[in-house]
Amino acid sequence: MRLIIALALALASSAASAQFVNMLKGGPAELFDDTDLRMFLDAARKTLDESGDNQTLAWKNPQNGHGGDLTVLKQFESKGRQCKLVRVRNEAEGRKSDMRHNVCRVDGKWRLVGKSQL
């Protein structure tokens, strides 16, 4: 799942994202195809760039039923950076995930940040 978030937030290259493949094991994102990933990334970008607090943006691939939603739970500033707490829910073939991530704008891109980096 963190691969998906890292892709969405950092727009990482496929080579960099390959390092996170093990994090997908057992979660719904492990089952995502290219279309699912593109739809998820589009929803993530739009959520981070355009959504306000408590606005949910859902996505669903009609070809396979995979989908999910993203919600900005809170916007805040940390170390002079624009940050958001985002809830990410995904589902594929009966597997579900519900996670929360802190993301901040770093050098013009959204990046996952740990609590120690806030």
N, C-alpha and C. Protein backbone atom coordinates (compact mmCIF):
# COMPACT_ATOMS: atom_id res chain seq x y z
N MET A 1 0.81 -1.19 0.00
CA MET A 1 0.00 0.00 0.00
C MET A 1 0.85 1.26 0.00
N ARG A 2 1.95 1.25 0.74
CA ARG A 2 2.81 2.43 0.75
C ARG A 2 3.38 2.72 -0.63
N LEU A 3 3.53 1.68 -1.47
CA LEU A 3 3.98 1.91 -2.84
C LEU A 3 2.98 2.80 -3.55
N ILE A 4 1.73 2.50 -3.44
CA ILE A 4 0.70 3.28 -4.09
C ILE A 4 0.75 4.71 -3.58
N ILE A 5 0.83 4.89 -2.28
CA ILE A 5 0.89 6.23 -1.72
C ILE A 5 2.15 6.94 -2.19
N ALA A 6 3.27 6.24 -2.15
CA ALA A 6 4.52 6.85 -2.59
C ALA A 6 4.43 7.27 -4.05
N LEU A 7 3.82 6.45 -4.88
CA LEU A 7 3.65 6.80 -6.28
C LEU A 7 2.77 8.03 -6.43
N ALA A 8 1.70 8.04 -5.72
CA ALA A 8 0.76 9.15 -5.83
C ALA A 8 1.34 10.44 -5.31
N LEU A 9 2.05 10.35 -4.23
CA LEU A 9 2.51 11.56 -3.57
C LEU A 9 3.83 12.07 -4.10
N ALA A 10 4.69 11.17 -4.46
CA ALA A 10 6.01 11.59 -4.92
C ALA A 10 6.16 11.47 -6.44
N LEU A 11 5.16 10.84 -7.07
CA LEU A 11 5.23 10.60 -8.50
C LEU A 11 6.56 9.97 -8.88
N ALA A 12 6.92 8.99 -8.11
CA ALA A 12 8.22 8.34 -8.26
C ALA A 12 8.29 7.56 -9.57
N SER A 13 9.51 7.34 -10.02
CA SER A 13 9.72 6.54 -11.22
C SER A 13 9.42 5.08 -10.92
N SER A 14 9.19 4.29 -11.95
CA SER A 14 8.89 2.88 -11.73
C SER A 14 10.07 2.16 -11.10
N ALA A 15 11.28 2.59 -11.39
CA ALA A 15 12.45 1.95 -10.79
C ALA A 15 12.49 2.21 -9.28
N ALA A 16 12.21 3.43 -8.88
CA ALA A 16 12.22 3.76 -7.45
C ALA A 16 11.08 3.06 -6.73
N SER A 17 9.92 2.99 -7.36
CA SER A 17 8.78 2.38 -6.71
C SER A 17 8.95 0.87 -6.55
N ALA A 18 9.75 0.26 -7.39
CA ALA A 18 9.95 -1.18 -7.31
C ALA A 18 10.54 -1.60 -5.96
N GLN A 19 11.22 -0.70 -5.29
CA GLN A 19 11.81 -1.00 -3.99
C GLN A 19 10.74 -1.30 -2.94
N PHE A 20 9.52 -0.85 -3.18
CA PHE A 20 8.46 -0.97 -2.19
C PHE A 20 7.51 -2.12 -2.46
N VAL A 21 7.80 -2.96 -3.44
CA VAL A 21 6.88 -4.01 -3.84
C VAL A 21 6.49 -4.91 -2.67
N ASN A 22 7.42 -5.22 -1.79
CA ASN A 22 7.10 -6.10 -0.67
C ASN A 22 6.03 -5.52 0.24
N MET A 23 5.87 -4.21 0.25
CA MET A 23 4.86 -3.59 1.10
C MET A 23 3.44 -3.85 0.60
N LEU A 24 3.30 -4.32 -0.62
CA LEU A 24 1.98 -4.59 -1.18
C LEU A 24 1.44 -5.95 -0.77
N LYS A 25 2.28 -6.83 -0.29
CA LYS A 25 1.88 -8.20 0.00
C LYS A 25 0.65 -8.25 0.90
N GLY A 26 -0.37 -8.95 0.42
CA GLY A 26 -1.57 -9.19 1.21
C GLY A 26 -2.61 -8.09 1.16
N GLY A 27 -2.30 -6.94 0.63
CA GLY A 27 -3.25 -5.83 0.57
C GLY A 27 -3.95 -5.76 -0.77
N PRO A 28 -5.00 -4.95 -0.87
CA PRO A 28 -5.71 -4.84 -2.14
C PRO A 28 -4.85 -4.31 -3.27
N ALA A 29 -3.93 -3.41 -2.98
CA ALA A 29 -3.09 -2.82 -4.03
C ALA A 29 -2.25 -3.87 -4.75
N GLU A 30 -1.98 -4.98 -4.08
CA GLU A 30 -1.23 -6.07 -4.70
C GLU A 30 -1.96 -6.61 -5.93
N LEU A 31 -3.27 -6.44 -5.96
CA LEU A 31 -4.10 -6.96 -7.05
C LEU A 31 -4.40 -5.92 -8.12
N PHE A 32 -3.96 -4.69 -7.94
CA PHE A 32 -4.26 -3.63 -8.89
C PHE A 32 -3.54 -3.87 -10.22
N ASP A 33 -4.27 -3.65 -11.30
CA ASP A 33 -3.64 -3.68 -12.62
C ASP A 33 -3.24 -2.26 -13.00
N ASP A 34 -2.71 -2.08 -14.19
CA ASP A 34 -2.24 -0.76 -14.62
C ASP A 34 -3.36 0.27 -14.63
N THR A 35 -4.55 -0.13 -15.04
CA THR A 35 -5.68 0.80 -15.07
C THR A 35 -6.05 1.21 -13.65
N ASP A 36 -6.08 0.25 -12.73
CA ASP A 36 -6.37 0.56 -11.33
C ASP A 36 -5.36 1.57 -10.79
N LEU A 37 -4.10 1.31 -11.03
CA LEU A 37 -3.05 2.20 -10.54
C LEU A 37 -3.20 3.61 -11.12
N ARG A 38 -3.49 3.70 -12.40
CA ARG A 38 -3.66 5.02 -13.02
C ARG A 38 -4.85 5.75 -12.40
N MET A 39 -5.95 5.03 -12.20
CA MET A 39 -7.15 5.64 -11.61
C MET A 39 -6.87 6.08 -10.17
N PHE A 40 -6.18 5.24 -9.42
CA PHE A 40 -5.84 5.59 -8.04
C PHE A 40 -4.95 6.83 -8.01
N LEU A 41 -3.92 6.85 -8.85
CA LEU A 41 -2.99 7.97 -8.87
C LEU A 41 -3.68 9.27 -9.29
N ASP A 42 -4.57 9.18 -10.25
CA ASP A 42 -5.33 10.36 -10.66
C ASP A 42 -6.17 10.88 -9.50
N ALA A 43 -6.83 9.97 -8.79
CA ALA A 43 -7.65 10.38 -7.64
C ALA A 43 -6.78 10.96 -6.53
N ALA A 44 -5.62 10.37 -6.30
CA ALA A 44 -4.72 10.87 -5.25
C ALA A 44 -4.24 12.28 -5.58
N ARG A 45 -3.81 12.49 -6.83
CA ARG A 45 -3.34 13.82 -7.24
C ARG A 45 -4.44 14.86 -7.07
N LYS A 46 -5.64 14.51 -7.54
CA LYS A 46 -6.75 15.46 -7.46
C LYS A 46 -7.12 15.74 -6.00
N THR A 47 -7.13 14.71 -5.17
CA THR A 47 -7.44 14.89 -3.76
C THR A 47 -6.44 15.82 -3.10
N LEU A 48 -5.17 15.58 -3.32
CA LEU A 48 -4.14 16.39 -2.68
C LEU A 48 -4.10 17.82 -3.21
N ASP A 49 -4.32 17.98 -4.50
CA ASP A 49 -4.22 19.30 -5.10
C ASP A 49 -5.48 20.15 -4.97
N GLU A 50 -6.66 19.49 -4.86
CA GLU A 50 -7.90 20.24 -4.96
C GLU A 50 -8.87 20.09 -3.80
N SER A 51 -8.80 19.02 -3.03
CA SER A 51 -9.83 18.75 -2.02
C SER A 51 -9.58 19.49 -0.72
N GLY A 52 -10.68 19.91 -0.12
CA GLY A 52 -10.64 20.49 1.21
C GLY A 52 -10.90 19.43 2.25
N ASP A 53 -10.92 19.86 3.50
CA ASP A 53 -11.16 18.93 4.60
C ASP A 53 -12.50 18.19 4.42
N ASN A 54 -12.46 16.91 4.73
CA ASN A 54 -13.63 16.03 4.73
C ASN A 54 -14.32 15.91 3.38
N GLN A 55 -13.60 16.16 2.31
CA GLN A 55 -14.13 15.90 0.97
C GLN A 55 -13.53 14.58 0.49
N THR A 56 -14.39 13.67 0.12
CA THR A 56 -13.96 12.35 -0.32
C THR A 56 -14.05 12.24 -1.83
N LEU A 57 -13.00 11.71 -2.41
CA LEU A 57 -12.98 11.45 -3.84
C LEU A 57 -12.86 9.94 -4.03
N ALA A 58 -13.87 9.35 -4.66
CA ALA A 58 -13.88 7.90 -4.89
C ALA A 58 -13.43 7.60 -6.31
N TRP A 59 -12.88 6.39 -6.47
CA TRP A 59 -12.52 5.90 -7.80
C TRP A 59 -12.95 4.44 -7.88
N LYS A 60 -13.30 3.99 -9.08
CA LYS A 60 -13.68 2.59 -9.26
C LYS A 60 -13.45 2.19 -10.72
N ASN A 61 -12.81 1.06 -10.89
CA ASN A 61 -12.58 0.52 -12.22
C ASN A 61 -13.79 -0.37 -12.57
N PRO A 62 -14.61 0.04 -13.53
CA PRO A 62 -15.80 -0.75 -13.86
C PRO A 62 -15.47 -2.11 -14.49
N GLN A 63 -14.25 -2.27 -14.98
CA GLN A 63 -13.88 -3.54 -15.62
C GLN A 63 -13.66 -4.65 -14.62
N ASN A 64 -13.20 -4.31 -13.40
CA ASN A 64 -12.92 -5.37 -12.42
C ASN A 64 -13.49 -5.10 -11.03
N GLY A 65 -14.09 -3.94 -10.82
CA GLY A 65 -14.69 -3.62 -9.53
C GLY A 65 -13.73 -3.12 -8.48
N HIS A 66 -12.43 -3.06 -8.78
CA HIS A 66 -11.47 -2.53 -7.82
C HIS A 66 -11.71 -1.04 -7.65
N GLY A 67 -11.51 -0.55 -6.43
CA GLY A 67 -11.74 0.87 -6.21
C GLY A 67 -11.34 1.29 -4.82
N GLY A 68 -11.72 2.51 -4.51
CA GLY A 68 -11.41 3.05 -3.20
C GLY A 68 -11.77 4.51 -3.12
N ASP A 69 -11.29 5.15 -2.06
CA ASP A 69 -11.53 6.58 -1.93
C ASP A 69 -10.43 7.21 -1.09
N LEU A 70 -10.29 8.51 -1.24
CA LEU A 70 -9.30 9.30 -0.51
C LEU A 70 -10.01 10.50 0.10
N THR A 71 -9.67 10.82 1.34
CA THR A 71 -10.28 11.94 2.05
C THR A 71 -9.21 12.73 2.78
N VAL A 72 -9.21 14.03 2.58
CA VAL A 72 -8.34 14.90 3.37
C VAL A 72 -9.04 15.08 4.72
N LEU A 73 -8.45 14.56 5.78
CA LEU A 73 -9.04 14.67 7.11
C LEU A 73 -8.68 15.98 7.79
N LYS A 74 -7.49 16.49 7.46
CA LYS A 74 -7.02 17.71 8.11
C LYS A 74 -5.92 18.32 7.27
N GLN A 75 -5.91 19.66 7.21
CA GLN A 75 -4.81 20.39 6.58
C GLN A 75 -4.09 21.15 7.68
N PHE A 76 -2.76 21.20 7.58
CA PHE A 76 -1.99 21.89 8.60
C PHE A 76 -0.65 22.31 8.02
N GLU A 77 0.07 23.10 8.78
CA GLU A 77 1.40 23.52 8.39
C GLU A 77 2.41 22.92 9.36
N SER A 78 3.52 22.46 8.83
CA SER A 78 4.59 21.91 9.65
C SER A 78 5.94 22.32 9.04
N LYS A 79 6.76 22.93 9.85
CA LYS A 79 8.08 23.37 9.39
C LYS A 79 7.99 24.23 8.14
N GLY A 80 6.95 25.05 8.07
CA GLY A 80 6.75 25.94 6.95
C GLY A 80 6.21 25.28 5.70
N ARG A 81 5.82 24.01 5.81
CA ARG A 81 5.31 23.26 4.66
C ARG A 81 3.80 23.06 4.77
N GLN A 82 3.13 23.05 3.63
CA GLN A 82 1.72 22.70 3.57
C GLN A 82 1.62 21.19 3.75
N CYS A 83 0.78 20.74 4.70
CA CYS A 83 0.64 19.31 4.96
C CYS A 83 -0.83 18.93 5.04
N LYS A 84 -1.08 17.64 4.87
CA LYS A 84 -2.44 17.09 4.97
C LYS A 84 -2.38 15.71 5.61
N LEU A 85 -3.40 15.42 6.40
CA LEU A 85 -3.62 14.06 6.88
C LEU A 85 -4.68 13.47 5.96
N VAL A 86 -4.32 12.37 5.28
CA VAL A 86 -5.18 11.79 4.25
C VAL A 86 -5.56 10.37 4.63
N ARG A 87 -6.85 10.07 4.52
CA ARG A 87 -7.34 8.71 4.71
C ARG A 87 -7.42 8.06 3.33
N VAL A 88 -6.84 6.87 3.20
CA VAL A 88 -6.83 6.15 1.93
C VAL A 88 -7.46 4.78 2.17
N ARG A 89 -8.56 4.55 1.47
CA ARG A 89 -9.21 3.24 1.53
C ARG A 89 -9.23 2.63 0.14
N ASN A 90 -8.88 1.35 0.06
CA ASN A 90 -8.89 0.64 -1.21
C ASN A 90 -9.49 -0.74 -1.02
N GLU A 91 -10.03 -1.29 -2.12
CA GLU A 91 -10.62 -2.62 -2.07
C GLU A 91 -10.41 -3.30 -3.42
N ALA A 92 -10.06 -4.59 -3.35
CA ALA A 92 -9.91 -5.41 -4.56
C ALA A 92 -10.13 -6.87 -4.18
N GLU A 93 -11.06 -7.50 -4.85
CA GLU A 93 -11.32 -8.93 -4.68
C GLU A 93 -11.46 -9.34 -3.22
N GLY A 94 -12.21 -8.55 -2.46
CA GLY A 94 -12.47 -8.86 -1.07
C GLY A 94 -11.42 -8.37 -0.08
N ARG A 95 -10.27 -7.95 -0.56
CA ARG A 95 -9.24 -7.38 0.31
C ARG A 95 -9.53 -5.90 0.50
N LYS A 96 -9.43 -5.44 1.74
CA LYS A 96 -9.68 -4.04 2.04
C LYS A 96 -8.54 -3.46 2.86
N SER A 97 -8.31 -2.17 2.66
CA SER A 97 -7.33 -1.46 3.49
C SER A 97 -7.92 -0.10 3.84
N ASP A 98 -7.54 0.39 5.01
CA ASP A 98 -7.98 1.70 5.49
C ASP A 98 -6.79 2.27 6.25
N MET A 99 -6.12 3.25 5.65
CA MET A 99 -4.90 3.80 6.24
C MET A 99 -4.96 5.32 6.27
N ARG A 100 -4.17 5.88 7.16
CA ARG A 100 -4.02 7.33 7.25
C ARG A 100 -2.55 7.67 7.08
N HIS A 101 -2.30 8.74 6.31
CA HIS A 101 -0.93 9.14 6.02
C HIS A 101 -0.80 10.65 6.14
N ASN A 102 0.30 11.09 6.72
CA ASN A 102 0.66 12.50 6.69
C ASN A 102 1.49 12.74 5.44
N VAL A 103 1.11 13.77 4.70
CA VAL A 103 1.86 14.15 3.51
C VAL A 103 2.10 15.64 3.56
N CYS A 104 3.27 16.05 3.07
CA CYS A 104 3.62 17.46 3.03
C CYS A 104 4.19 17.80 1.67
N ARG A 105 4.05 19.06 1.29
CA ARG A 105 4.67 19.54 0.05
C ARG A 105 6.14 19.80 0.33
N VAL A 106 6.97 19.08 -0.38
CA VAL A 106 8.42 19.22 -0.26
C VAL A 106 8.96 19.43 -1.66
N ASP A 107 9.63 20.52 -1.87
CA ASP A 107 10.17 20.84 -3.20
C ASP A 107 9.12 20.74 -4.29
N GLY A 108 7.90 21.20 -3.97
CA GLY A 108 6.83 21.23 -4.96
C GLY A 108 6.10 19.93 -5.19
N LYS A 109 6.46 18.87 -4.47
CA LYS A 109 5.80 17.57 -4.64
C LYS A 109 5.27 17.09 -3.30
N TRP A 110 4.17 16.35 -3.34
CA TRP A 110 3.63 15.75 -2.13
C TRP A 110 4.50 14.55 -1.74
N ARG A 111 4.87 14.50 -0.47
CA ARG A 111 5.72 13.42 0.05
C ARG A 111 5.13 12.86 1.33
N LEU A 112 5.24 11.55 1.50
CA LEU A 112 4.90 10.94 2.78
C LEU A 112 5.88 11.43 3.82
N VAL A 113 5.39 11.75 5.00
CA VAL A 113 6.28 12.15 6.08
C VAL A 113 5.90 11.39 7.34
N GLY A 114 6.91 10.96 8.06
CA GLY A 114 6.68 10.29 9.33
C GLY A 114 6.44 11.33 10.42
N LYS A 115 5.93 10.85 11.54
CA LYS A 115 5.64 11.77 12.66
C LYS A 115 6.89 12.52 13.10
N SER A 116 8.04 11.89 13.02
CA SER A 116 9.27 12.56 13.44
C SER A 116 9.67 13.68 12.48
N GLN A 117 9.13 13.67 11.26
CA GLN A 117 9.45 14.70 10.27
C GLN A 117 8.47 15.86 10.30
N LEU A 118 7.42 15.76 11.11
CA LEU A 118 6.43 16.84 11.17
C LEU A 118 6.89 17.96 12.06
